[in-house]
Amino acid sequence: MNQQQAFERRIDEALHNAQLRQNFRSAMDGIRQRRAEQFPDEAQLQALREQVQSIRSYSLQNQADLLEKLEAKLTENGIQVHWAANPEEANGIIANILKAADAKTVVKGKSMVSEETELNHYLEEQGIEVIESDLGEYIIQLAKEPPSHIVAPAIHKNRVEVAELFQNFHPELPYTENIDELTETARVILREKFAKADAGISGVNFAVAETGTLCLVENEGNGRLSTTAPELHIAITGIEKVIDKLTDIPPLLEILTKSATGQPITTYFNMISRPRQEGELDGPKAVHLVLLDNGRSRIRWDDELLDTLRCIRCGACMNHCPVYVHVGGHAYGSVYPGPIGLALEPQRLGLDKAGSLTSACSLCGACGEVCPVKIPLPKIINRLRAESVNNQEASTVSGKGALRHVSEAWIWKLWSMSYSSPALHKFISWAGTRMSSFIPNKLGAWTHYRTRPTPAKRTLHELAKSAGIAND
């Protein structure tokens, strides 16, 4: 089964899952409504978007210098910095740090970059227990599923499904479908894990070069416990998350939280600049940061595709995407679903492995309209879609032309020839009307959901002529 067939199968399964579609419909409607309420003034919203776009663009244009500055400042602050070119290197670095500290158990905060590297699976193979401390991440860890959304990983499950999952794994606790009681149940389970963990692992929302500060945005307090309670803290992030100054944070934080969940501000905003100092009562004794490339440097070499890296992982593009809302994140079969996944994954993995994702886009433009950092997602997706079937373009994206079909290419070539030659077009139109009975009933994917088109018995030119209308 090729990538296109596998993708179509996942989409078909999602579209036939009534409960899944109901869960997403309910969740997405609420998130979009809350976001709209946070931005009542369109002029202020556009001014804020311009400001954060400028901040992120400056960071990307000056990324090399900012990363060197970040490393120097973090080292000065006592945080150890590691560089990883790919997931294998990142996982190996983290495993070695944990083994050197004789760490056997890890509590982990939410991190999409760790999903890229499949860190949990790798550490478990090394004999290290990993417990996700974010409630949504903990739920899907129990269900042995990947995240369905980059902000709300368990958004595809309702309270009944979560209640049954908790009952299966924790039968000693009373069964409940009450959301507050389910949250309390998770808190009881996870607090014990926090207290006993040898190390904590987290992601990073922004890394400030000026001060050597790692910023984490969260709502539950689990991120703060993951980074503070254990003796060892390891953070992992993509190299694009670096920003220049601490004063860049307020506008980024404001638009991130409002775009992601419709909140004016998150419950917790953590700023980590150093390990525990002498005389301090809490905090880790050692802090490490792993900076992952994983194709990001290659994306930077293309001025148009570079915009993809401005993403601040708010998920607004997904929440407003008509395709994502109907099929959910798992249908994409990729770490990053939705419009940002359509733009990022083919670049990160190659068009030969993820190019089919670009077909899951109606080019309605909703994602570009709501993106807080103004990534031209429809333009990028359309370009990748074209490159997936055309290997003539010079590009930094690997796998160009991987989805090209010779028969389809010849059909379009014939279409182009017919519309550039009046005589040929007239002949094909005439032949089509006379030979309509020979058109097969099945025309590939087109007739999966549509009836076969039936040409008229006479061409438009013939009808005009019979009506006495000049059509030369």
Protein backbone atom coordinates (compact mmCIF):
# COMPACT_ATOMS: atom_id res chain seq x y z
CA MET A 1 0.00 0.00 0.00
CA ASN A 2 1.53 3.33 -1.05
CA GLN A 3 1.33 6.56 0.95
CA GLN A 4 -1.68 7.89 -0.97
CA GLN A 5 -3.67 4.69 -0.47
CA ALA A 6 -2.79 4.56 3.24
CA PHE A 7 -3.81 8.20 3.63
CA GLU A 8 -7.13 7.63 1.86
CA ARG A 9 -7.84 4.61 4.05
CA ARG A 10 -7.26 6.62 7.25
CA ILE A 11 -9.50 9.41 5.98
CA ASP A 12 -12.24 6.94 5.08
CA GLU A 13 -12.07 5.39 8.56
CA ALA A 14 -12.29 8.82 10.19
CA LEU A 15 -15.25 9.91 8.07
CA HIS A 16 -17.13 6.75 9.04
CA ASN A 17 -16.47 7.26 12.77
CA ALA A 18 -19.53 9.19 13.92
CA GLN A 19 -18.35 9.53 17.52
CA LEU A 20 -14.98 10.95 16.44
CA ARG A 21 -16.61 13.54 14.20
CA GLN A 22 -19.02 14.54 16.95
CA ASN A 23 -16.13 14.94 19.43
CA PHE A 24 -14.20 17.17 17.04
CA ARG A 25 -17.22 19.21 16.02
CA SER A 26 -18.05 20.01 19.62
CA ALA A 27 -14.46 20.85 20.58
CA MET A 28 -13.62 22.94 17.51
CA ASP A 29 -16.79 25.04 17.71
CA GLY A 30 -15.96 26.01 21.28
CA ILE A 31 -12.31 26.85 20.59
CA ARG A 32 -13.13 29.00 17.57
CA GLN A 33 -15.78 30.89 19.48
CA ARG A 34 -13.42 31.63 22.39
CA ARG A 35 -10.68 32.78 20.01
CA ALA A 36 -13.07 35.17 18.26
CA GLU A 37 -14.05 36.65 21.63
CA GLN A 38 -10.40 37.37 22.45
CA PHE A 39 -9.94 39.49 19.32
CA PRO A 40 -12.93 41.87 19.16
CA ASP A 41 -10.89 44.66 17.54
CA GLU A 42 -9.74 43.65 14.05
CA ALA A 43 -7.28 46.53 13.75
CA GLN A 44 -5.57 45.60 17.03
CA LEU A 45 -5.41 41.96 15.98
CA GLN A 46 -3.74 42.78 12.66
CA ALA A 47 -1.27 45.11 14.38
CA LEU A 48 -0.36 42.34 16.83
CA ARG A 49 0.02 39.84 13.98
CA GLU A 50 2.37 42.23 12.18
CA GLN A 51 4.41 42.64 15.35
CA VAL A 52 4.87 38.93 16.06
CA GLN A 53 5.51 38.17 12.40
CA SER A 54 8.33 40.70 12.51
CA ILE A 55 9.75 39.14 15.68
CA ARG A 56 9.71 35.62 14.30
CA SER A 57 11.05 36.67 10.89
CA TYR A 58 13.95 38.53 12.49
CA SER A 59 14.73 35.47 14.62
CA LEU A 60 14.84 33.19 11.58
CA GLN A 61 16.89 35.58 9.48
CA ASN A 62 19.45 35.87 12.28
CA GLN A 63 19.10 32.33 13.60
CA ALA A 64 22.77 31.32 13.41
CA ASP A 65 23.95 34.30 15.46
CA LEU A 66 21.09 33.98 17.94
CA LEU A 67 21.77 30.28 18.50
CA GLU A 68 25.43 30.99 19.24
CA LYS A 69 24.38 33.76 21.61
CA LEU A 70 21.85 31.45 23.26
CA GLU A 71 24.41 28.69 23.77
CA ALA A 72 26.93 31.12 25.27
CA LYS A 73 24.38 32.61 27.68
CA LEU A 74 22.94 29.24 28.72
CA THR A 75 26.44 27.90 29.37
CA GLU A 76 27.22 30.99 31.41
CA ASN A 77 24.07 30.36 33.41
CA GLY A 78 25.06 26.75 34.10
CA ILE A 79 22.77 25.02 31.58
CA GLN A 80 24.48 22.42 29.39
CA VAL A 81 23.71 22.68 25.66
CA HIS A 82 23.69 19.78 23.20
CA TRP A 83 23.21 19.83 19.41
CA ALA A 84 21.40 17.10 17.49
CA ALA A 85 21.21 16.86 13.71
CA ASN A 86 18.47 14.21 13.69
CA PRO A 87 16.12 12.24 15.98
CA GLU A 88 18.64 9.45 16.52
CA GLU A 89 21.24 11.86 17.86
CA ALA A 90 18.71 13.66 20.07
CA ASN A 91 17.43 10.42 21.60
CA GLY A 92 20.96 9.15 22.12
CA ILE A 93 22.04 12.35 23.88
CA ILE A 94 19.06 12.26 26.23
CA ALA A 95 19.51 8.55 26.99
CA ASN A 96 23.18 9.08 27.80
CA ILE A 97 22.38 11.96 30.15
CA LEU A 98 19.80 9.83 31.96
CA LYS A 99 22.13 6.84 32.19
CA ALA A 100 24.96 9.00 33.54
CA ALA A 101 22.60 10.19 36.27
CA ASP A 102 21.38 6.61 36.86
CA ALA A 103 17.84 7.82 36.15
CA LYS A 104 15.27 5.03 35.80
CA THR A 105 12.02 7.00 35.85
CA VAL A 106 11.12 10.16 33.97
CA VAL A 107 8.15 12.52 34.15
CA LYS A 108 7.69 14.30 30.87
CA GLY A 109 5.93 17.54 30.04
CA LYS A 110 4.23 18.10 26.70
CA SER A 111 6.66 18.30 23.77
CA MET A 112 5.89 17.97 20.08
CA VAL A 113 9.60 17.77 19.26
CA SER A 114 9.87 14.64 21.40
CA GLU A 115 7.02 13.24 19.29
CA GLU A 116 9.19 13.91 16.23
CA THR A 117 12.00 11.82 17.70
CA GLU A 118 9.69 9.16 19.21
CA LEU A 119 11.57 9.71 22.45
CA ASN A 120 9.19 7.75 24.67
CA HIS A 121 9.57 4.56 22.66
CA TYR A 122 13.34 4.95 22.52
CA LEU A 123 13.72 5.44 26.28
CA GLU A 124 11.39 2.56 27.07
CA GLU A 125 13.56 0.32 24.89
CA GLN A 126 16.51 1.46 27.03
CA GLY A 127 14.70 0.32 30.19
CA ILE A 128 13.70 3.83 31.32
CA GLU A 129 10.10 4.40 32.42
CA VAL A 130 8.47 7.52 30.96
CA ILE A 131 5.23 9.00 32.30
CA GLU A 132 3.50 11.82 30.44
CA SER A 133 2.45 14.43 32.98
CA ASP A 134 0.19 16.56 30.76
CA LEU A 135 -3.36 15.24 31.24
CA GLY A 136 -4.07 14.96 27.52
CA GLU A 137 -0.71 13.33 26.84
CA TYR A 138 -1.24 10.92 29.76
CA ILE A 139 -4.61 9.90 28.33
CA ILE A 140 -3.22 9.07 24.90
CA GLN A 141 -0.21 7.35 26.48
CA LEU A 142 -2.62 4.98 28.22
CA ALA A 143 -4.50 4.53 24.93
CA LYS A 144 -1.19 3.95 23.08
CA GLU A 145 -2.06 6.63 20.56
CA PRO A 146 -0.15 9.60 19.14
CA PRO A 147 -1.46 13.14 19.72
CA SER A 148 -4.43 14.15 17.60
CA HIS A 149 -3.78 17.88 18.05
CA ILE A 150 -0.59 19.79 18.83
CA VAL A 151 -2.18 21.74 21.70
CA ALA A 152 -4.90 19.37 22.95
CA PRO A 153 -3.54 15.87 22.23
CA ALA A 154 -6.63 13.99 23.48
CA ILE A 155 -9.21 16.31 21.92
CA HIS A 156 -10.61 13.38 19.93
CA LYS A 157 -11.85 11.63 23.09
CA ASN A 158 -14.94 12.49 25.12
CA ARG A 159 -15.36 12.12 28.88
CA VAL A 160 -16.95 8.65 28.62
CA GLU A 161 -14.01 7.31 26.63
CA VAL A 162 -11.56 8.83 29.12
CA ALA A 163 -13.51 7.41 32.07
CA GLU A 164 -13.41 3.90 30.57
CA LEU A 165 -9.69 4.25 29.87
CA PHE A 166 -8.95 5.26 33.46
CA GLN A 167 -11.08 2.40 34.77
CA ASN A 168 -9.15 -0.13 32.66
CA PHE A 169 -5.75 1.05 33.89
CA HIS A 170 -6.72 2.07 37.43
CA PRO A 171 -9.55 -0.25 38.54
CA GLU A 172 -8.72 0.48 42.18
CA LEU A 173 -10.10 4.02 41.76
CA PRO A 174 -13.86 4.73 41.63
CA TYR A 175 -15.40 5.00 38.16
CA THR A 176 -16.61 8.47 37.20
CA GLU A 177 -17.55 10.38 34.08
CA ASN A 178 -17.43 13.75 35.84
CA ILE A 179 -14.70 15.88 34.25
CA ASP A 180 -13.58 17.50 37.52
CA GLU A 181 -13.38 14.10 39.23
CA LEU A 182 -11.46 12.62 36.28
CA THR A 183 -8.97 15.46 36.51
CA GLU A 184 -8.60 14.87 40.24
CA THR A 185 -8.05 11.15 39.57
CA ALA A 186 -5.24 11.99 37.17
CA ARG A 187 -3.76 14.41 39.69
CA VAL A 188 -3.65 11.74 42.37
CA ILE A 189 -1.93 9.30 40.02
CA LEU A 190 0.57 11.76 38.63
CA ARG A 191 1.55 13.45 41.91
CA GLU A 192 3.06 10.20 43.08
CA LYS A 193 5.04 9.97 39.84
CA PHE A 194 6.35 13.51 40.27
CA ALA A 195 7.56 12.73 43.78
CA LYS A 196 9.46 9.61 42.75
CA ALA A 197 10.82 10.63 39.32
CA ASP A 198 14.58 10.67 38.82
CA ALA A 199 14.39 13.18 35.97
CA GLY A 200 12.04 15.50 34.14
CA ILE A 201 11.85 16.17 30.40
CA SER A 202 10.07 19.10 28.80
CA GLY A 203 9.67 20.99 25.58
CA VAL A 204 10.37 24.70 25.06
CA ASN A 205 8.02 27.30 23.61
CA PHE A 206 10.62 30.05 23.25
CA ALA A 207 14.36 30.20 23.96
CA VAL A 208 15.59 33.75 24.66
CA ALA A 209 19.13 34.38 23.40
CA GLU A 210 19.58 37.64 25.31
CA THR A 211 19.18 36.11 28.77
CA GLY A 212 19.58 32.38 28.17
CA THR A 213 15.99 31.71 29.27
CA LEU A 214 13.83 28.70 28.39
CA CYS A 215 10.12 29.62 28.34
CA LEU A 216 7.34 27.05 28.79
CA VAL A 217 3.62 27.78 28.42
CA GLU A 218 1.11 25.51 30.19
CA ASN A 219 -2.17 25.37 32.09
CA GLU A 220 -1.93 22.43 34.49
CA GLY A 221 1.22 22.97 36.53
CA ASN A 222 2.61 19.66 35.33
CA GLY A 223 5.27 21.41 33.27
CA ARG A 224 6.47 23.30 36.32
CA LEU A 225 6.63 20.11 38.38
CA SER A 226 8.43 18.23 35.58
CA THR A 227 11.09 20.90 35.41
CA THR A 228 11.39 21.67 39.12
CA ALA A 229 10.71 18.60 41.27
CA PRO A 230 13.27 16.11 39.85
CA GLU A 231 17.00 16.56 40.39
CA LEU A 232 17.61 16.51 36.63
CA HIS A 233 15.80 18.49 33.93
CA ILE A 234 16.29 17.92 30.20
CA ALA A 235 14.61 20.26 27.71
CA ILE A 236 14.35 19.50 24.00
CA THR A 237 13.33 21.91 21.25
CA GLY A 238 13.74 22.71 17.58
CA ILE A 239 16.39 25.27 16.65
CA GLU A 240 13.73 27.59 15.21
CA LYS A 241 12.33 28.37 18.68
CA VAL A 242 15.13 30.85 19.49
CA ILE A 243 14.17 34.55 19.75
CA ASP A 244 16.30 37.59 20.34
CA LYS A 245 15.14 39.50 23.41
CA LEU A 246 13.07 39.02 26.54
CA THR A 247 10.91 41.96 25.43
CA ASP A 248 9.79 39.83 22.46
CA ILE A 249 7.97 37.49 24.82
CA PRO A 250 4.83 39.52 25.84
CA PRO A 251 3.36 39.91 22.32
CA LEU A 252 4.23 36.31 21.42
CA LEU A 253 2.65 35.01 24.63
CA GLU A 254 -0.47 37.14 24.16
CA ILE A 255 -1.20 35.97 20.64
CA LEU A 256 -0.17 32.35 21.33
CA THR A 257 -2.59 31.78 24.18
CA LYS A 258 -5.48 33.64 22.58
CA SER A 259 -5.02 31.83 19.28
CA ALA A 260 -4.53 28.39 20.80
CA THR A 261 -7.30 28.06 23.37
CA GLY A 262 -9.08 31.40 23.45
CA GLN A 263 -7.59 32.27 26.84
CA PRO A 264 -6.37 35.79 27.67
CA ILE A 265 -3.35 34.17 29.33
CA THR A 266 -2.25 30.68 30.34
CA THR A 267 -2.26 29.59 33.97
CA TYR A 268 1.51 29.11 34.08
CA PHE A 269 4.38 30.74 32.21
CA ASN A 270 7.68 29.21 33.27
CA MET A 271 11.04 30.90 32.74
CA ILE A 272 14.10 28.71 33.34
CA SER A 273 17.51 30.35 33.22
CA ARG A 274 19.70 28.19 35.43
CA PRO A 275 19.82 25.09 37.64
CA ARG A 276 19.38 25.26 41.42
CA GLN A 277 21.84 27.61 43.05
CA GLU A 278 23.46 27.33 46.46
CA GLY A 279 20.98 28.24 49.18
CA GLU A 280 17.90 27.63 46.98
CA LEU A 281 15.39 25.08 48.23
CA ASP A 282 14.00 23.71 44.97
CA GLY A 283 14.78 23.25 41.32
CA PRO A 284 16.94 20.70 39.49
CA LYS A 285 20.62 20.42 40.25
CA ALA A 286 21.39 19.96 36.53
CA VAL A 287 19.65 21.37 33.44
CA HIS A 288 20.34 20.31 29.85
CA LEU A 289 18.99 21.67 26.57
CA VAL A 290 18.95 19.59 23.38
CA LEU A 291 18.64 21.68 20.21
CA LEU A 292 17.29 19.61 17.31
CA ASP A 293 17.72 20.41 13.62
CA ASN A 294 15.94 17.51 11.86
CA GLY A 295 15.67 19.23 8.48
CA ARG A 296 15.03 22.74 9.76
CA SER A 297 18.32 24.12 8.40
CA ARG A 298 17.46 22.79 4.96
CA ILE A 299 14.07 24.54 5.04
CA ARG A 300 15.81 27.84 5.85
CA TRP A 301 17.60 27.88 2.50
CA ASP A 302 14.37 28.55 0.61
CA ASP A 303 13.05 32.08 1.07
CA GLU A 304 9.43 31.03 0.55
CA LEU A 305 9.47 27.83 2.58
CA LEU A 306 11.37 29.56 5.40
CA ASP A 307 8.07 31.09 6.50
CA THR A 308 6.97 27.62 7.68
CA LEU A 309 9.42 27.89 10.58
CA ARG A 310 7.68 30.97 11.98
CA CYS A 311 5.07 28.62 13.50
CA ILE A 312 4.53 29.04 17.26
CA ARG A 313 2.50 25.81 17.57
CA CYS A 314 -0.81 27.42 18.53
CA GLY A 315 -2.97 25.06 16.45
CA ALA A 316 -5.28 27.83 15.18
CA CYS A 317 -4.86 26.65 11.59
CA MET A 318 -6.15 23.20 12.59
CA ASN A 319 -9.07 24.58 14.55
CA HIS A 320 -10.30 26.48 11.49
CA CYS A 321 -9.47 23.90 8.80
CA PRO A 322 -12.64 22.26 7.35
CA VAL A 323 -10.67 19.11 6.51
CA TYR A 324 -9.05 18.68 9.94
CA VAL A 325 -12.33 19.36 11.76
CA HIS A 326 -13.97 16.49 9.87
CA VAL A 327 -11.24 13.83 10.06
CA GLY A 328 -9.08 14.70 13.10
CA GLY A 329 -5.34 14.46 13.53
CA HIS A 330 -4.81 10.70 13.32
CA ALA A 331 -6.09 10.57 9.74
CA TYR A 332 -2.98 12.43 8.62
CA GLY A 333 -0.65 9.75 9.95
CA SER A 334 2.00 12.37 10.74
CA VAL A 335 3.45 14.04 13.84
CA TYR A 336 2.05 17.43 12.81
CA PRO A 337 -1.49 17.25 11.35
CA GLY A 338 -3.67 19.94 9.85
CA PRO A 339 -2.47 22.78 7.62
CA ILE A 340 0.86 23.24 9.41
CA GLY A 341 1.46 19.52 8.99
CA LEU A 342 0.70 19.77 5.27
CA ALA A 343 3.33 22.49 5.00
CA LEU A 344 5.97 21.10 7.38
CA GLU A 345 5.91 17.31 7.07
CA PRO A 346 6.61 17.06 3.31
CA GLN A 347 9.58 19.37 3.84
CA ARG A 348 10.79 17.51 6.91
CA LEU A 349 10.27 13.96 5.62
CA GLY A 350 10.31 14.46 1.84
CA LEU A 351 7.54 14.51 -0.75
CA ASP A 352 8.11 10.83 -1.45
CA LYS A 353 7.07 10.03 2.15
CA ALA A 354 4.56 12.75 3.01
CA GLY A 355 3.64 14.46 -0.26
CA SER A 356 0.15 12.94 -0.29
CA LEU A 357 -0.74 15.09 2.75
CA THR A 358 -0.96 18.14 0.52
CA SER A 359 -4.10 16.71 -1.09
CA ALA A 360 -5.95 17.18 2.22
CA CYS A 361 -6.44 20.87 1.53
CA SER A 362 -9.31 22.73 -0.11
CA LEU A 363 -7.19 25.90 -0.46
CA CYS A 364 -10.03 27.80 1.21
CA GLY A 365 -7.44 30.05 2.87
CA ALA A 366 -8.86 29.85 6.41
CA CYS A 367 -5.53 28.70 7.88
CA GLY A 368 -3.68 31.68 6.41
CA GLU A 369 -6.30 34.09 7.68
CA VAL A 370 -6.05 32.95 11.31
CA CYS A 371 -2.33 32.16 11.56
CA PRO A 372 -1.05 34.56 14.24
CA VAL A 373 2.40 34.87 12.65
CA LYS A 374 0.98 35.21 9.13
CA ILE A 375 2.48 32.09 7.56
CA PRO A 376 1.16 31.92 3.95
CA LEU A 377 0.07 28.32 4.44
CA PRO A 378 -2.16 28.02 1.33
CA LYS A 379 0.68 29.28 -0.88
CA ILE A 380 3.22 26.89 0.65
CA ILE A 381 0.86 23.91 0.46
CA ASN A 382 0.02 24.67 -3.16
CA ARG A 383 3.70 24.87 -4.06
CA LEU A 384 4.46 21.55 -2.36
CA ARG A 385 1.48 19.99 -4.10
CA ALA A 386 2.88 21.12 -7.45
CA GLU A 387 6.39 19.89 -6.65
CA SER A 388 5.06 16.48 -5.65
CA VAL A 389 4.04 15.87 -9.27
CA ASN A 390 6.71 17.95 -11.01
CA ASN A 391 10.40 17.13 -10.67
CA GLN A 392 11.56 19.90 -12.98
CA GLU A 393 11.59 22.60 -10.32
CA ALA A 394 14.80 23.46 -8.46
CA SER A 395 13.95 23.01 -4.77
CA THR A 396 15.35 22.18 -1.36
CA VAL A 397 12.51 19.68 -0.79
CA SER A 398 13.46 16.06 -1.35
CA GLY A 399 11.32 13.61 -3.29
CA LYS A 400 10.19 16.00 -6.02
CA GLY A 401 7.87 14.35 -8.54
CA ALA A 402 7.25 11.34 -6.27
CA LEU A 403 3.48 11.45 -6.87
CA ARG A 404 3.70 12.03 -10.60
CA HIS A 405 1.66 9.62 -12.74
CA VAL A 406 2.55 9.33 -16.41
CA SER A 407 -1.05 8.77 -17.51
CA GLU A 408 -2.27 11.81 -15.57
CA ALA A 409 0.57 13.92 -16.97
CA TRP A 410 -0.39 12.95 -20.52
CA ILE A 411 -4.05 13.77 -19.86
CA TRP A 412 -3.14 17.28 -18.72
CA LYS A 413 -0.76 17.67 -21.64
CA LEU A 414 -3.53 16.74 -24.04
CA TRP A 415 -5.89 19.15 -22.26
CA SER A 416 -3.32 21.93 -22.66
CA MET A 417 -2.80 21.13 -26.34
CA SER A 418 -6.54 21.07 -27.04
CA TYR A 419 -7.14 24.46 -25.46
CA SER A 420 -4.20 26.00 -27.30
CA SER A 421 -5.42 24.76 -30.72
CA PRO A 422 -8.96 25.75 -31.81
CA ALA A 423 -9.05 23.08 -34.51
CA LEU A 424 -7.97 20.31 -32.12
CA HIS A 425 -10.40 21.51 -29.45
CA LYS A 426 -13.26 21.49 -31.96
CA PHE A 427 -12.40 17.97 -33.06
CA ILE A 428 -12.14 16.60 -29.50
CA SER A 429 -15.46 18.24 -28.57
CA TRP A 430 -17.11 16.71 -31.63
CA ALA A 431 -15.61 13.27 -30.93
CA GLY A 432 -16.66 13.44 -27.28
CA THR A 433 -20.30 13.97 -28.14
CA ARG A 434 -20.35 11.13 -30.67
CA MET A 435 -18.45 8.63 -28.53
CA SER A 436 -19.98 9.33 -25.11
CA SER A 437 -21.25 5.75 -24.85
CA PHE A 438 -17.65 4.54 -24.78
CA ILE A 439 -16.79 6.52 -21.62
CA PRO A 440 -16.32 3.97 -18.78
CA ASN A 441 -18.61 4.13 -15.76
CA LYS A 442 -15.65 4.21 -13.39
CA LEU A 443 -13.19 7.10 -13.73
CA GLY A 444 -10.89 6.51 -10.78
CA ALA A 445 -11.37 8.51 -7.61
CA TRP A 446 -13.68 10.97 -9.38
CA THR A 447 -16.55 8.46 -9.53
CA HIS A 448 -16.08 7.20 -5.96
CA TYR A 449 -18.46 9.95 -4.85
CA ARG A 450 -19.82 11.33 -8.15
CA THR A 451 -21.78 10.01 -11.11
CA ARG A 452 -20.00 9.69 -14.43
CA PRO A 453 -20.22 12.90 -16.51
CA THR A 454 -22.26 12.47 -19.68
CA PRO A 455 -21.42 14.78 -22.62
CA ALA A 456 -24.24 16.43 -24.55
CA LYS A 457 -25.25 14.88 -27.85
CA ARG A 458 -24.14 17.97 -29.76
CA THR A 459 -21.35 20.48 -29.12
CA LEU A 460 -22.00 24.09 -28.12
CA HIS A 461 -20.81 25.25 -31.54
CA GLU A 462 -23.31 22.94 -33.22
CA LEU A 463 -26.16 24.14 -31.01
CA ALA A 464 -25.28 27.75 -31.71
CA LYS A 465 -25.12 27.12 -35.46
CA SER A 466 -28.51 25.40 -35.48
CA ALA A 467 -29.95 28.38 -33.64
CA GLY A 468 -28.56 30.73 -36.27
CA ILE A 469 -25.96 32.23 -33.94
CA ALA A 470 -22.59 33.07 -35.46
CA ASN A 471 -19.82 31.37 -33.46
CA ASP A 472 -16.72 31.73 -35.61
